[in-house]
Amino acid sequence: MSGLRAELPACLPALRSHARALCRDNGAADDLVQETILRALAAEAQWHVDTELRPWLFTIQRHVFFAGLRR
């Protein structure tokens, strides 16, 4: 198991909390977390083990959230 996949479960509560703060709706927040995880896994090769995972995930989450607002 790669470092990202091993560390990802520990980040889920913080991702959920951040998503709920952004969306103000539990259903939309859950969708945002799911999309964040999917994009992180798709970009797994771009993450380096020496990089902090949580800030990287929060950046992805913010990008997904704001991209959704633009639509």
PDB file of N, CA and C in Angstrom:
ATOM      1  N   MET A   1       0.848  -1.180   0.000  1.00  0.00           N
ATOM      2  CA  MET A   1       0.000   0.000   0.000  1.00  0.00           C
ATOM      3  C   MET A   1       0.894   1.244   0.000  1.00  0.00           C
ATOM      4  N   SER A   2       0.549   2.167  -0.856  1.00  0.00           N
ATOM      5  CA  SER A   2       1.361   3.378  -0.961  1.00  0.00           C
ATOM      6  C   SER A   2       1.140   4.268   0.256  1.00  0.00           C
ATOM      7  N   GLY A   3       2.001   5.249   0.418  1.00  0.00           N
ATOM      8  CA  GLY A   3       1.899   6.175   1.529  1.00  0.00           C
ATOM      9  C   GLY A   3       0.593   6.945   1.531  1.00  0.00           C
ATOM     10  N   LEU A   4       0.163   7.391   0.368  1.00  0.00           N
ATOM     11  CA  LEU A   4      -1.071   8.159   0.277  1.00  0.00           C
ATOM     12  C   LEU A   4      -2.250   7.309   0.720  1.00  0.00           C
ATOM     13  N   ARG A   5      -2.343   6.113   0.216  1.00  0.00           N
ATOM     14  CA  ARG A   5      -3.475   5.242   0.559  1.00  0.00           C
ATOM     15  C   ARG A   5      -3.452   4.838   2.025  1.00  0.00           C
ATOM     16  N   ALA A   6      -2.286   4.766   2.609  1.00  0.00           N
ATOM     17  CA  ALA A   6      -2.177   4.422   4.023  1.00  0.00           C
ATOM     18  C   ALA A   6      -2.554   5.603   4.917  1.00  0.00           C
ATOM     19  N   GLU A   7      -2.220   6.815   4.501  1.00  0.00           N
ATOM     20  CA  GLU A   7      -2.469   8.012   5.310  1.00  0.00           C
ATOM     21  C   GLU A   7      -3.852   8.618   5.088  1.00  0.00           C
ATOM     22  N   LEU A   8      -4.487   8.321   3.976  1.00  0.00           N
ATOM     23  CA  LEU A   8      -5.762   8.934   3.610  1.00  0.00           C
ATOM     24  C   LEU A   8      -6.867   8.730   4.648  1.00  0.00           C
ATOM     25  N   PRO A   9      -7.076   7.538   5.181  1.00  0.00           N
ATOM     26  CA  PRO A   9      -8.172   7.376   6.160  1.00  0.00           C
ATOM     27  C   PRO A   9      -8.066   8.297   7.374  1.00  0.00           C
ATOM     28  N   ALA A  10      -6.866   8.586   7.820  1.00  0.00           N
ATOM     29  CA  ALA A  10      -6.695   9.470   8.976  1.00  0.00           C
ATOM     30  C   ALA A  10      -7.099  10.902   8.659  1.00  0.00           C
ATOM     31  N   CYS A  11      -7.118  11.275   7.400  1.00  0.00           N
ATOM     32  CA  CYS A  11      -7.461  12.638   6.992  1.00  0.00           C
ATOM     33  C   CYS A  11      -8.956  12.836   6.763  1.00  0.00           C
ATOM     34  N   LEU A  12      -9.720  11.766   6.708  1.00  0.00           N
ATOM     35  CA  LEU A  12     -11.146  11.873   6.379  1.00  0.00           C
ATOM     36  C   LEU A  12     -11.952  12.753   7.334  1.00  0.00           C
ATOM     37  N   PRO A  13     -11.787  12.627   8.654  1.00  0.00           N
ATOM     38  CA  PRO A  13     -12.570  13.523   9.528  1.00  0.00           C
ATOM     39  C   PRO A  13     -12.300  15.007   9.268  1.00  0.00           C
ATOM     40  N   ALA A  14     -11.053  15.363   9.046  1.00  0.00           N
ATOM     41  CA  ALA A  14     -10.726  16.768   8.772  1.00  0.00           C
ATOM     42  C   ALA A  14     -11.286  17.201   7.426  1.00  0.00           C
ATOM     43  N   LEU A  15     -11.241  16.315   6.432  1.00  0.00           N
ATOM     44  CA  LEU A  15     -11.814  16.640   5.117  1.00  0.00           C
ATOM     45  C   LEU A  15     -13.322  16.849   5.231  1.00  0.00           C
ATOM     46  N   ARG A  16     -13.992  15.985   5.994  1.00  0.00           N
ATOM     47  CA  ARG A  16     -15.447  16.128   6.171  1.00  0.00           C
ATOM     48  C   ARG A  16     -15.784  17.441   6.862  1.00  0.00           C
ATOM     49  N   SER A  17     -15.035  17.768   7.900  1.00  0.00           N
ATOM     50  CA  SER A  17     -15.282  19.007   8.632  1.00  0.00           C
ATOM     51  C   SER A  17     -15.084  20.224   7.728  1.00  0.00           C
ATOM     52  N   HIS A  18     -14.009  20.226   6.972  1.00  0.00           N
ATOM     53  CA  HIS A  18     -13.724  21.335   6.055  1.00  0.00           C
ATOM     54  C   HIS A  18     -14.801  21.434   4.976  1.00  0.00           C
ATOM     55  N   ALA A  19     -15.235  20.297   4.453  1.00  0.00           N
ATOM     56  CA  ALA A  19     -16.265  20.287   3.408  1.00  0.00           C
ATOM     57  C   ALA A  19     -17.589  20.821   3.944  1.00  0.00           C
ATOM     58  N   ARG A  20     -17.934  20.458   5.168  1.00  0.00           N
ATOM     59  CA  ARG A  20     -19.175  20.962   5.752  1.00  0.00           C
ATOM     60  C   ARG A  20     -19.113  22.464   5.974  1.00  0.00           C
ATOM     61  N   ALA A  21     -17.952  22.961   6.328  1.00  0.00           N
ATOM     62  CA  ALA A  21     -17.788  24.408   6.498  1.00  0.00           C
ATOM     63  C   ALA A  21     -17.932  25.131   5.163  1.00  0.00           C
ATOM     64  N   LEU A  22     -17.421  24.519   4.103  1.00  0.00           N
ATOM     65  CA  LEU A  22     -17.519  25.139   2.779  1.00  0.00           C
ATOM     66  C   LEU A  22     -18.943  25.078   2.228  1.00  0.00           C
ATOM     67  N   CYS A  23     -19.568  23.909   2.329  1.00  0.00           N
ATOM     68  CA  CYS A  23     -20.856  23.673   1.667  1.00  0.00           C
ATOM     69  C   CYS A  23     -22.072  24.075   2.492  1.00  0.00           C
ATOM     70  N   ARG A  24     -21.952  23.970   3.810  1.00  0.00           N
ATOM     71  CA  ARG A  24     -23.082  24.237   4.700  1.00  0.00           C
ATOM     72  C   ARG A  24     -24.248  23.274   4.458  1.00  0.00           C
ATOM     73  N   ASP A  25     -23.961  22.121   3.853  1.00  0.00           N
ATOM     74  CA  ASP A  25     -24.975  21.106   3.572  1.00  0.00           C
ATOM     75  C   ASP A  25     -24.287  19.742   3.658  1.00  0.00           C
ATOM     76  N   ASN A  26     -24.812  18.858   4.489  1.00  0.00           N
ATOM     77  CA  ASN A  26     -24.149  17.579   4.717  1.00  0.00           C
ATOM     78  C   ASN A  26     -24.062  16.719   3.460  1.00  0.00           C
ATOM     79  N   GLY A  27     -25.114  16.688   2.663  1.00  0.00           N
ATOM     80  CA  GLY A  27     -25.094  15.888   1.442  1.00  0.00           C
ATOM     81  C   GLY A  27     -24.072  16.401   0.442  1.00  0.00           C
ATOM     82  N   ALA A  28     -24.061  17.697   0.244  1.00  0.00           N
ATOM     83  CA  ALA A  28     -23.085  18.301  -0.671  1.00  0.00           C
ATOM     84  C   ALA A  28     -21.669  18.133  -0.136  1.00  0.00           C
ATOM     85  N   ALA A  29     -21.513  18.203   1.182  1.00  0.00           N
ATOM     86  CA  ALA A  29     -20.190  18.026   1.784  1.00  0.00           C
ATOM     87  C   ALA A  29     -19.683  16.606   1.565  1.00  0.00           C
ATOM     88  N   ASP A  30     -20.553  15.618   1.717  1.00  0.00           N
ATOM     89  CA  ASP A  30     -20.155  14.226   1.474  1.00  0.00           C
ATOM     90  C   ASP A  30     -19.743  14.027   0.017  1.00  0.00           C
ATOM     91  N   ASP A  31     -20.480  14.644  -0.899  1.00  0.00           N
ATOM     92  CA  ASP A  31     -20.119  14.568  -2.323  1.00  0.00           C
ATOM     93  C   ASP A  31     -18.766  15.219  -2.569  1.00  0.00           C
ATOM     94  N   LEU A  32     -18.520  16.338  -1.910  1.00  0.00           N
ATOM     95  CA  LEU A  32     -17.253  17.047  -2.060  1.00  0.00           C
ATOM     96  C   LEU A  32     -16.082  16.199  -1.539  1.00  0.00           C
ATOM     97  N   VAL A  33     -16.270  15.541  -0.419  1.00  0.00           N
ATOM     98  CA  VAL A  33     -15.219  14.670   0.120  1.00  0.00           C
ATOM     99  C   VAL A  33     -14.958  13.522  -0.850  1.00  0.00           C
ATOM    100  N   GLN A  34     -16.020  12.933  -1.365  1.00  0.00           N
ATOM    101  CA  GLN A  34     -15.858  11.825  -2.304  1.00  0.00           C
ATOM    102  C   GLN A  34     -15.091  12.269  -3.551  1.00  0.00           C
ATOM    103  N   GLU A  35     -15.448  13.399  -4.110  1.00  0.00           N
ATOM    104  CA  GLU A  35     -14.761  13.897  -5.299  1.00  0.00           C
ATOM    105  C   GLU A  35     -13.308  14.239  -4.989  1.00  0.00           C
ATOM    106  N   THR A  36     -13.068  14.773  -3.800  1.00  0.00           N
ATOM    107  CA  THR A  36     -11.694  15.079  -3.382  1.00  0.00           C
ATOM    108  C   THR A  36     -10.844  13.813  -3.341  1.00  0.00           C
ATOM    109  N   ILE A  37     -11.389  12.768  -2.765  1.00  0.00           N
ATOM    110  CA  ILE A  37     -10.652  11.505  -2.661  1.00  0.00           C
ATOM    111  C   ILE A  37     -10.408  10.913  -4.047  1.00  0.00           C
ATOM    112  N   LEU A  38     -11.417  10.949  -4.891  1.00  0.00           N
ATOM    113  CA  LEU A  38     -11.249  10.424  -6.251  1.00  0.00           C
ATOM    114  C   LEU A  38     -10.147  11.169  -7.004  1.00  0.00           C
ATOM    115  N   ARG A  39     -10.146  12.477  -6.885  1.00  0.00           N
ATOM    116  CA  ARG A  39      -9.114  13.266  -7.579  1.00  0.00           C
ATOM    117  C   ARG A  39      -7.729  13.051  -6.970  1.00  0.00           C
ATOM    118  N   ALA A  40      -7.675  12.902  -5.662  1.00  0.00           N
ATOM    119  CA  ALA A  40      -6.386  12.641  -5.012  1.00  0.00           C
ATOM    120  C   ALA A  40      -5.826  11.295  -5.463  1.00  0.00           C
ATOM    121  N   LEU A  41      -6.674  10.294  -5.533  1.00  0.00           N
ATOM    122  CA  LEU A  41      -6.216   8.977  -5.983  1.00  0.00           C
ATOM    123  C   LEU A  41      -5.800   9.010  -7.449  1.00  0.00           C
ATOM    124  N   ALA A  42      -6.520   9.786  -8.254  1.00  0.00           N
ATOM    125  CA  ALA A  42      -6.159   9.905  -9.668  1.00  0.00           C
ATOM    126  C   ALA A  42      -4.819  10.628  -9.838  1.00  0.00           C
ATOM    127  N   ALA A  43      -4.502  11.521  -8.910  1.00  0.00           N
ATOM    128  CA  ALA A  43      -3.258  12.291  -8.982  1.00  0.00           C
ATOM    129  C   ALA A  43      -2.202  11.749  -8.016  1.00  0.00           C
ATOM    130  N   GLU A  44      -2.365  10.524  -7.598  1.00  0.00           N
ATOM    131  CA  GLU A  44      -1.475   9.921  -6.604  1.00  0.00           C
ATOM    132  C   GLU A  44       0.000  10.029  -6.982  1.00  0.00           C
ATOM    133  N   ALA A  45       0.303   9.910  -8.252  1.00  0.00           N
ATOM    134  CA  ALA A  45       1.697   9.975  -8.708  1.00  0.00           C
ATOM    135  C   ALA A  45       2.296  11.365  -8.497  1.00  0.00           C
ATOM    136  N   GLN A  46       1.463  12.386  -8.373  1.00  0.00           N
ATOM    137  CA  GLN A  46       1.949  13.749  -8.190  1.00  0.00           C
ATOM    138  C   GLN A  46       2.252  14.069  -6.733  1.00  0.00           C
ATOM    139  N   TRP A  47       1.772  13.238  -5.804  1.00  0.00           N
ATOM    140  CA  TRP A  47       2.016  13.459  -4.384  1.00  0.00           C
ATOM    141  C   TRP A  47       3.333  12.803  -4.006  1.00  0.00           C
ATOM    142  N   HIS A  48       4.143  13.521  -3.250  1.00  0.00           N
ATOM    143  CA  HIS A  48       5.435  13.016  -2.804  1.00  0.00           C
ATOM    144  C   HIS A  48       5.360  12.714  -1.316  1.00  0.00           C
ATOM    145  N   VAL A  49       5.993  11.642  -0.903  1.00  0.00           N
ATOM    146  CA  VAL A  49       5.939  11.193   0.487  1.00  0.00           C
ATOM    147  C   VAL A  49       6.419  12.264   1.457  1.00  0.00           C
ATOM    148  N   ASP A  50       7.351  13.101   1.045  1.00  0.00           N
ATOM    149  CA  ASP A  50       7.862  14.142   1.936  1.00  0.00           C
ATOM    150  C   ASP A  50       6.943  15.366   2.003  1.00  0.00           C
ATOM    151  N   THR A  51       5.828  15.350   1.282  1.00  0.00           N
ATOM    152  CA  THR A  51       4.850  16.437   1.303  1.00  0.00           C
ATOM    153  C   THR A  51       3.751  16.095   2.306  1.00  0.00           C
ATOM    154  N   GLU A  52       3.317  17.082   3.081  1.00  0.00           N
ATOM    155  CA  GLU A  52       2.215  16.860   4.022  1.00  0.00           C
ATOM    156  C   GLU A  52       0.938  16.546   3.241  1.00  0.00           C
ATOM    157  N   LEU A  53       0.255  15.485   3.625  1.00  0.00           N
ATOM    158  CA  LEU A  53      -0.925  15.040   2.883  1.00  0.00           C
ATOM    159  C   LEU A  53      -2.131  15.946   3.115  1.00  0.00           C
ATOM    160  N   ARG A  54      -2.403  16.320   4.367  1.00  0.00           N
ATOM    161  CA  ARG A  54      -3.613  17.105   4.648  1.00  0.00           C
ATOM    162  C   ARG A  54      -3.676  18.411   3.862  1.00  0.00           C
ATOM    163  N   PRO A  55      -2.638  19.236   3.857  1.00  0.00           N
ATOM    164  CA  PRO A  55      -2.723  20.475   3.062  1.00  0.00           C
ATOM    165  C   PRO A  55      -2.913  20.194   1.574  1.00  0.00           C
ATOM    166  N   TRP A  56      -2.305  19.125   1.080  1.00  0.00           N
ATOM    167  CA  TRP A  56      -2.456  18.762  -0.327  1.00  0.00           C
ATOM    168  C   TRP A  56      -3.909  18.400  -0.618  1.00  0.00           C
ATOM    169  N   LEU A  57      -4.528  17.632   0.283  1.00  0.00           N
ATOM    170  CA  LEU A  57      -5.927  17.252   0.120  1.00  0.00           C
ATOM    171  C   LEU A  57      -6.852  18.458   0.235  1.00  0.00           C
ATOM    172  N   PHE A  58      -6.561  19.363   1.183  1.00  0.00           N
ATOM    173  CA  PHE A  58      -7.385  20.564   1.326  1.00  0.00           C
ATOM    174  C   PHE A  58      -7.311  21.439   0.082  1.00  0.00           C
ATOM    175  N   THR A  59      -6.153  21.497  -0.547  1.00  0.00           N
ATOM    176  CA  THR A  59      -6.014  22.259  -1.786  1.00  0.00           C
ATOM    177  C   THR A  59      -6.885  21.656  -2.882  1.00  0.00           C
ATOM    178  N   ILE A  60      -6.841  20.348  -3.010  1.00  0.00           N
ATOM    179  CA  ILE A  60      -7.694  19.666  -3.987  1.00  0.00           C
ATOM    180  C   ILE A  60      -9.159  19.959  -3.677  1.00  0.00           C
ATOM    181  N   GLN A  61      -9.520  19.855  -2.404  1.00  0.00           N
ATOM    182  CA  GLN A  61     -10.913  20.070  -2.012  1.00  0.00           C
ATOM    183  C   GLN A  61     -11.386  21.487  -2.339  1.00  0.00           C
ATOM    184  N   ARG A  62     -10.558  22.472  -2.057  1.00  0.00           N
ATOM    185  CA  ARG A  62     -10.933  23.854  -2.392  1.00  0.00           C
ATOM    186  C   ARG A  62     -11.094  24.030  -3.895  1.00  0.00           C
ATOM    187  N   HIS A  63     -10.196  23.444  -4.678  1.00  0.00           N
ATOM    188  CA  HIS A  63     -10.301  23.550  -6.138  1.00  0.00           C
ATOM    189  C   HIS A  63     -11.589  22.908  -6.643  1.00  0.00           C
ATOM    190  N   VAL A  64     -11.929  21.741  -6.102  1.00  0.00           N
ATOM    191  CA  VAL A  64     -13.170  21.071  -6.504  1.00  0.00           C
ATOM    192  C   VAL A  64     -14.371  21.926  -6.114  1.00  0.00           C
ATOM    193  N   PHE A  65     -14.366  22.475  -4.911  1.00  0.00           N
ATOM    194  CA  PHE A  65     -15.478  23.295  -4.445  1.00  0.00           C
ATOM    195  C   PHE A  65     -15.675  24.525  -5.326  1.00  0.00           C
ATOM    196  N   PHE A  66     -14.586  25.256  -5.585  1.00  0.00           N
ATOM    197  CA  PHE A  66     -14.714  26.473  -6.384  1.00  0.00           C
ATOM    198  C   PHE A  66     -15.035  26.169  -7.845  1.00  0.00           C
ATOM    199  N   ALA A  67     -14.569  25.053  -8.359  1.00  0.00           N
ATOM    200  CA  ALA A  67     -14.935  24.662  -9.727  1.00  0.00           C
ATOM    201  C   ALA A  67     -16.439  24.396  -9.806  1.00  0.00           C
ATOM    202  N   GLY A  68     -16.983  23.807  -8.750  1.00  0.00           N
ATOM    203  CA  GLY A  68     -18.434  23.576  -8.695  1.00  0.00           C
ATOM    204  C   GLY A  68     -19.219  24.870  -8.621  1.00  0.00           C
ATOM    205  N   LEU A  69     -18.705  25.871  -7.943  1.00  0.00           N
ATOM    206  CA  LEU A  69     -19.387  27.164  -7.875  1.00  0.00           C
ATOM    207  C   LEU A  69     -19.412  27.869  -9.222  1.00  0.00           C
ATOM    208  N   ARG A  70     -18.346  27.664 -10.000  1.00  0.00           N
ATOM    209  CA  ARG A  70     -18.267  28.321 -11.305  1.00  0.00           C
ATOM    210  C   ARG A  70     -19.260  27.735 -12.307  1.00  0.00           C
ATOM    211  N   ARG A  71     -19.652  26.482 -12.074  1.00  0.00           N
ATOM    212  CA  ARG A  71     -20.589  25.836 -13.020  1.00  0.00           C
ATOM    213  C   ARG A  71     -21.945  26.364 -12.890  1.00  0.00           C
TER     214      ARG A  71
END
